[in-house]
Amino acid sequence: MREDDLAKEFVKRWARMTMSLASCQSAVMTELANEPAARQQAQTMFGESLGSSEERRRIALQLAIASFQVP
């Protein structure tokens, strides 16, 4: 893959992950309805980390980097 194509793919993946982190709270809470401890952890994460757009971008960047390192 050419370097500029790789860069475009990385940026698209980063942007998509950032948006996913911003919009997944309702689905996560629903799926964890029967797991109170995990639900509490997720609620804390959404409140402390994923509530900030800057933090979501930072976390998404780390996820995008990791996904490009996996063959």
N, C-alpha and C. Protein backbone atom coordinates (compact mmCIF):
# COMPACT_ATOMS: atom_id res chain seq x y z
N MET A 1 0.84 -1.17 0.00
CA MET A 1 0.00 0.00 0.00
C MET A 1 0.89 1.24 0.00
N ARG A 2 0.54 2.20 -0.81
CA ARG A 2 1.32 3.44 -0.87
C ARG A 2 1.21 4.21 0.43
N GLU A 3 2.21 5.00 0.71
CA GLU A 3 2.26 5.73 1.98
C GLU A 3 1.09 6.69 2.15
N ASP A 4 0.71 7.40 1.09
CA ASP A 4 -0.42 8.33 1.22
C ASP A 4 -1.74 7.59 1.39
N ASP A 5 -1.89 6.42 0.78
CA ASP A 5 -3.09 5.62 0.98
C ASP A 5 -3.16 5.09 2.41
N LEU A 6 -2.02 4.69 2.93
CA LEU A 6 -1.94 4.22 4.30
C LEU A 6 -2.32 5.34 5.28
N ALA A 7 -1.82 6.53 5.02
CA ALA A 7 -2.14 7.68 5.88
C ALA A 7 -3.63 7.99 5.83
N LYS A 8 -4.23 7.96 4.65
CA LYS A 8 -5.67 8.21 4.53
C LYS A 8 -6.47 7.16 5.28
N GLU A 9 -6.07 5.91 5.16
CA GLU A 9 -6.77 4.83 5.86
C GLU A 9 -6.67 5.00 7.37
N PHE A 10 -5.49 5.39 7.84
CA PHE A 10 -5.29 5.61 9.27
C PHE A 10 -6.19 6.73 9.78
N VAL A 11 -6.23 7.85 9.09
CA VAL A 11 -7.05 8.99 9.51
C VAL A 11 -8.53 8.62 9.50
N LYS A 12 -8.97 7.90 8.47
CA LYS A 12 -10.38 7.47 8.43
C LYS A 12 -10.69 6.56 9.61
N ARG A 13 -9.80 5.64 9.92
CA ARG A 13 -10.02 4.72 11.04
C ARG A 13 -10.06 5.49 12.36
N TRP A 14 -9.17 6.44 12.52
CA TRP A 14 -9.12 7.26 13.73
C TRP A 14 -10.42 8.05 13.88
N ALA A 15 -10.88 8.65 12.80
CA ALA A 15 -12.12 9.44 12.85
C ALA A 15 -13.32 8.55 13.18
N ARG A 16 -13.38 7.39 12.57
CA ARG A 16 -14.50 6.47 12.83
C ARG A 16 -14.49 5.99 14.27
N MET A 17 -13.32 5.68 14.80
CA MET A 17 -13.23 5.22 16.18
C MET A 17 -13.62 6.34 17.14
N THR A 18 -13.21 7.56 16.84
CA THR A 18 -13.59 8.69 17.69
C THR A 18 -15.10 8.85 17.73
N MET A 19 -15.75 8.75 16.58
CA MET A 19 -17.21 8.88 16.53
C MET A 19 -17.88 7.70 17.23
N SER A 20 -17.33 6.51 17.09
CA SER A 20 -17.91 5.34 17.75
C SER A 20 -17.84 5.48 19.27
N LEU A 21 -16.73 5.98 19.77
CA LEU A 21 -16.61 6.19 21.21
C LEU A 21 -17.61 7.21 21.72
N ALA A 22 -17.94 8.18 20.87
CA ALA A 22 -18.90 9.22 21.25
C ALA A 22 -20.34 8.73 21.23
N SER A 23 -20.62 7.71 20.46
CA SER A 23 -22.02 7.33 20.25
C SER A 23 -22.41 5.95 20.79
N CYS A 24 -21.51 5.27 21.45
CA CYS A 24 -21.80 3.89 21.86
C CYS A 24 -22.37 3.74 23.26
N GLN A 25 -22.48 4.81 24.03
CA GLN A 25 -22.87 4.69 25.43
C GLN A 25 -24.19 3.97 25.63
N SER A 26 -25.22 4.35 24.91
CA SER A 26 -26.53 3.74 25.08
C SER A 26 -26.48 2.23 24.82
N ALA A 27 -25.83 1.83 23.74
CA ALA A 27 -25.75 0.41 23.40
C ALA A 27 -24.95 -0.36 24.45
N VAL A 28 -23.87 0.21 24.93
CA VAL A 28 -23.05 -0.45 25.94
C VAL A 28 -23.85 -0.63 27.23
N MET A 29 -24.54 0.42 27.66
CA MET A 29 -25.33 0.33 28.90
C MET A 29 -26.44 -0.71 28.78
N THR A 30 -27.05 -0.80 27.62
CA THR A 30 -28.09 -1.80 27.40
C THR A 30 -27.51 -3.21 27.48
N GLU A 31 -26.38 -3.42 26.83
CA GLU A 31 -25.76 -4.75 26.82
C GLU A 31 -25.26 -5.17 28.20
N LEU A 32 -24.94 -4.20 29.04
CA LEU A 32 -24.42 -4.51 30.37
C LEU A 32 -25.50 -4.46 31.45
N ALA A 33 -26.76 -4.45 31.06
CA ALA A 33 -27.87 -4.33 32.01
C ALA A 33 -27.83 -5.41 33.08
N ASN A 34 -27.41 -6.60 32.76
CA ASN A 34 -27.38 -7.72 33.71
C ASN A 34 -26.03 -7.92 34.38
N GLU A 35 -25.14 -6.96 34.18
CA GLU A 35 -23.80 -7.04 34.78
C GLU A 35 -23.52 -5.75 35.54
N PRO A 36 -24.03 -5.63 36.76
CA PRO A 36 -23.93 -4.37 37.49
C PRO A 36 -22.50 -3.84 37.67
N ALA A 37 -21.56 -4.71 37.97
CA ALA A 37 -20.19 -4.25 38.19
C ALA A 37 -19.58 -3.71 36.90
N ALA A 38 -19.76 -4.44 35.81
CA ALA A 38 -19.23 -3.97 34.52
C ALA A 38 -19.95 -2.71 34.08
N ARG A 39 -21.25 -2.66 34.32
CA ARG A 39 -22.04 -1.46 33.95
C ARG A 39 -21.53 -0.23 34.71
N GLN A 40 -21.22 -0.42 36.00
CA GLN A 40 -20.69 0.70 36.81
C GLN A 40 -19.34 1.16 36.27
N GLN A 41 -18.48 0.19 35.90
CA GLN A 41 -17.18 0.55 35.33
C GLN A 41 -17.35 1.33 34.02
N ALA A 42 -18.26 0.86 33.18
CA ALA A 42 -18.51 1.55 31.91
C ALA A 42 -19.05 2.95 32.16
N GLN A 43 -19.97 3.09 33.11
CA GLN A 43 -20.53 4.41 33.42
C GLN A 43 -19.44 5.36 33.90
N THR A 44 -18.54 4.85 34.72
CA THR A 44 -17.41 5.65 35.19
C THR A 44 -16.53 6.08 34.01
N MET A 45 -16.26 5.14 33.12
CA MET A 45 -15.42 5.44 31.95
C MET A 45 -16.07 6.52 31.09
N PHE A 46 -17.37 6.38 30.85
CA PHE A 46 -18.07 7.39 30.05
C PHE A 46 -18.06 8.74 30.74
N GLY A 47 -18.19 8.75 32.06
CA GLY A 47 -18.21 10.00 32.79
C GLY A 47 -16.85 10.67 32.90
N GLU A 48 -15.82 9.88 33.13
CA GLU A 48 -14.49 10.44 33.38
C GLU A 48 -13.63 10.60 32.14
N SER A 49 -13.76 9.70 31.18
CA SER A 49 -12.86 9.73 30.02
C SER A 49 -13.59 10.01 28.72
N LEU A 50 -14.61 9.25 28.44
CA LEU A 50 -15.25 9.35 27.14
C LEU A 50 -16.21 10.52 27.04
N GLY A 51 -16.41 11.25 28.13
CA GLY A 51 -17.25 12.44 28.10
C GLY A 51 -16.55 13.63 27.47
N SER A 52 -15.25 13.56 27.37
CA SER A 52 -14.45 14.65 26.81
C SER A 52 -14.06 14.32 25.36
N SER A 53 -14.34 15.24 24.44
CA SER A 53 -14.00 14.98 23.05
C SER A 53 -12.49 14.84 22.86
N GLU A 54 -11.71 15.59 23.63
CA GLU A 54 -10.25 15.48 23.54
C GLU A 54 -9.79 14.10 23.99
N GLU A 55 -10.38 13.60 25.07
CA GLU A 55 -10.02 12.27 25.57
C GLU A 55 -10.44 11.18 24.59
N ARG A 56 -11.63 11.33 23.99
CA ARG A 56 -12.07 10.35 22.98
C ARG A 56 -11.10 10.31 21.81
N ARG A 57 -10.64 11.47 21.36
CA ARG A 57 -9.68 11.49 20.25
C ARG A 57 -8.37 10.82 20.64
N ARG A 58 -7.93 11.04 21.87
CA ARG A 58 -6.68 10.43 22.33
C ARG A 58 -6.82 8.91 22.41
N ILE A 59 -7.92 8.43 22.96
CA ILE A 59 -8.15 6.99 23.07
C ILE A 59 -8.29 6.38 21.68
N ALA A 60 -9.04 7.04 20.80
CA ALA A 60 -9.21 6.54 19.43
C ALA A 60 -7.88 6.50 18.70
N LEU A 61 -7.02 7.47 18.95
CA LEU A 61 -5.69 7.47 18.32
C LEU A 61 -4.92 6.23 18.76
N GLN A 62 -4.96 5.92 20.04
CA GLN A 62 -4.26 4.74 20.54
C GLN A 62 -4.84 3.47 19.93
N LEU A 63 -6.16 3.40 19.80
CA LEU A 63 -6.80 2.23 19.19
C LEU A 63 -6.42 2.12 17.71
N ALA A 64 -6.41 3.24 17.00
CA ALA A 64 -6.06 3.21 15.58
C ALA A 64 -4.61 2.77 15.40
N ILE A 65 -3.72 3.27 16.22
CA ILE A 65 -2.32 2.85 16.14
C ILE A 65 -2.19 1.36 16.39
N ALA A 66 -2.86 0.89 17.43
CA ALA A 66 -2.80 -0.55 17.75
C ALA A 66 -3.38 -1.39 16.62
N SER A 67 -4.45 -0.93 16.00
CA SER A 67 -5.05 -1.73 14.93
C SER A 67 -4.17 -1.80 13.70
N PHE A 68 -3.32 -0.82 13.49
CA PHE A 68 -2.40 -0.86 12.36
C PHE A 68 -1.17 -1.70 12.66
N GLN A 69 -0.92 -2.00 13.92
CA GLN A 69 0.23 -2.81 14.29
C GLN A 69 -0.09 -4.30 14.24
N VAL A 70 -1.35 -4.64 14.25
CA VAL A 70 -1.76 -6.04 14.21
C VAL A 70 -1.80 -6.50 12.76
N PRO A 71 -1.10 -7.62 12.43
CA PRO A 71 -1.09 -8.05 11.03
C PRO A 71 -2.43 -8.57 10.57
